[in-house]
Amino acid sequence: MAVQNQVIDRQTVNIETVGKMLGISRPVAYELARRDQLPVPVIRLGRRMVVSKRALEEVLTARKHDDAA
């Protein structure tokens, strides 16, 4: 049986990446995630926390439009 290499397009990003995208530090991003104060819902998988990439992009797009107005 041959194993195929598959490219997986992840639909979530980790909290460190969320912090970078929002322009906040890693510790602040994790603290906001623990308090459920990020502008997007946090998905908890055991001890791991991730955020929907689509939800984060929607928030960033909405803020970009608000800043332009």
C-alpha atoms as a PDB file:
ATOM      1  CA  MET A   1       0.000   0.000   0.000  1.00  0.00           C
ATOM      2  CA  ALA A   2       1.560   3.294  -1.089  1.00  0.00           C
ATOM      3  CA  VAL A   3       1.506   6.290   1.258  1.00  0.00           C
ATOM      4  CA  GLN A   4       0.625   9.520  -0.501  1.00  0.00           C
ATOM      5  CA  ASN A   5       1.968  12.862   0.621  1.00  0.00           C
ATOM      6  CA  GLN A   6      -0.965  15.136   1.184  1.00  0.00           C
ATOM      7  CA  VAL A   7      -0.860  18.864   1.696  1.00  0.00           C
ATOM      8  CA  ILE A   8      -3.295  19.765   4.436  1.00  0.00           C
ATOM      9  CA  ASP A   9      -4.676  23.283   4.361  1.00  0.00           C
ATOM     10  CA  ARG A  10      -5.212  23.942   8.052  1.00  0.00           C
ATOM     11  CA  GLN A  11      -8.365  25.783   8.977  1.00  0.00           C
ATOM     12  CA  THR A  12      -7.029  26.916  12.352  1.00  0.00           C
ATOM     13  CA  VAL A  13      -4.074  28.921  13.624  1.00  0.00           C
ATOM     14  CA  ASN A  14      -2.328  28.743  16.976  1.00  0.00           C
ATOM     15  CA  ILE A  15      -2.440  31.547  19.528  1.00  0.00           C
ATOM     16  CA  GLU A  16       1.121  32.663  18.787  1.00  0.00           C
ATOM     17  CA  THR A  17       0.149  33.236  15.147  1.00  0.00           C
ATOM     18  CA  VAL A  18      -3.011  35.053  16.245  1.00  0.00           C
ATOM     19  CA  GLY A  19      -0.845  37.405  18.288  1.00  0.00           C
ATOM     20  CA  LYS A  20       1.400  38.127  15.304  1.00  0.00           C
ATOM     21  CA  MET A  21      -1.592  38.799  13.058  1.00  0.00           C
ATOM     22  CA  LEU A  22      -3.171  41.121  15.623  1.00  0.00           C
ATOM     23  CA  GLY A  23       0.103  42.882  16.394  1.00  0.00           C
ATOM     24  CA  ILE A  24       0.228  41.832  20.035  1.00  0.00           C
ATOM     25  CA  SER A  25       2.845  39.909  21.973  1.00  0.00           C
ATOM     26  CA  ARG A  26       2.697  36.155  22.502  1.00  0.00           C
ATOM     27  CA  PRO A  27       2.099  36.439  26.281  1.00  0.00           C
ATOM     28  CA  VAL A  28      -0.725  38.941  25.774  1.00  0.00           C
ATOM     29  CA  ALA A  29      -2.297  36.736  23.099  1.00  0.00           C
ATOM     30  CA  TYR A  30      -2.262  33.710  25.418  1.00  0.00           C
ATOM     31  CA  GLU A  31      -3.621  35.723  28.342  1.00  0.00           C
ATOM     32  CA  LEU A  32      -6.484  37.071  26.214  1.00  0.00           C
ATOM     33  CA  ALA A  33      -7.187  33.548  24.916  1.00  0.00           C
ATOM     34  CA  ARG A  34      -7.311  32.155  28.468  1.00  0.00           C
ATOM     35  CA  ARG A  35      -9.775  34.891  29.449  1.00  0.00           C
ATOM     36  CA  ASP A  36     -11.863  34.460  26.251  1.00  0.00           C
ATOM     37  CA  GLN A  37     -11.160  38.093  25.355  1.00  0.00           C
ATOM     38  CA  LEU A  38      -9.806  37.637  21.838  1.00  0.00           C
ATOM     39  CA  PRO A  39     -12.047  39.104  19.116  1.00  0.00           C
ATOM     40  CA  VAL A  40     -12.661  35.535  17.856  1.00  0.00           C
ATOM     41  CA  PRO A  41     -13.766  32.338  19.608  1.00  0.00           C
ATOM     42  CA  VAL A  42     -10.987  30.141  20.986  1.00  0.00           C
ATOM     43  CA  ILE A  43     -11.196  26.411  20.284  1.00  0.00           C
ATOM     44  CA  ARG A  44      -9.726  24.331  23.102  1.00  0.00           C
ATOM     45  CA  LEU A  45      -8.333  20.899  22.285  1.00  0.00           C
ATOM     46  CA  GLY A  46      -7.095  19.600  25.605  1.00  0.00           C
ATOM     47  CA  ARG A  47      -4.383  22.058  26.604  1.00  0.00           C
ATOM     48  CA  ARG A  48      -3.986  23.340  23.048  1.00  0.00           C
ATOM     49  CA  MET A  49      -5.813  26.501  21.965  1.00  0.00           C
ATOM     50  CA  VAL A  50      -6.476  27.433  18.344  1.00  0.00           C
ATOM     51  CA  VAL A  51      -8.618  29.908  16.452  1.00  0.00           C
ATOM     52  CA  SER A  52     -10.523  29.539  13.202  1.00  0.00           C
ATOM     53  CA  LYS A  53      -8.483  31.061  10.393  1.00  0.00           C
ATOM     54  CA  ARG A  54     -11.678  32.195   8.647  1.00  0.00           C
ATOM     55  CA  ALA A  55     -13.031  33.941  11.767  1.00  0.00           C
ATOM     56  CA  LEU A  56      -9.726  35.739  12.314  1.00  0.00           C
ATOM     57  CA  GLU A  57      -9.554  36.859   8.676  1.00  0.00           C
ATOM     58  CA  GLU A  58     -13.130  38.181   8.905  1.00  0.00           C
ATOM     59  CA  VAL A  59     -12.264  40.235  11.993  1.00  0.00           C
ATOM     60  CA  LEU A  60      -9.133  41.629  10.361  1.00  0.00           C
ATOM     61  CA  THR A  61     -11.001  42.457   7.143  1.00  0.00           C
ATOM     62  CA  ALA A  62     -13.796  44.182   9.072  1.00  0.00           C
ATOM     63  CA  ARG A  63     -11.267  46.250  11.034  1.00  0.00           C
ATOM     64  CA  LYS A  64      -9.460  47.204   7.852  1.00  0.00           C
ATOM     65  CA  HIS A  65     -12.746  48.487   6.383  1.00  0.00           C
ATOM     66  CA  ASP A  66     -13.571  50.345   9.628  1.00  0.00           C
ATOM     67  CA  ASP A  67     -10.159  52.045   9.599  1.00  0.00           C
ATOM     68  CA  ALA A  68     -10.634  53.110   5.970  1.00  0.00           C
ATOM     69  CA  ALA A  69     -14.024  54.702   6.668  1.00  0.00           C
END
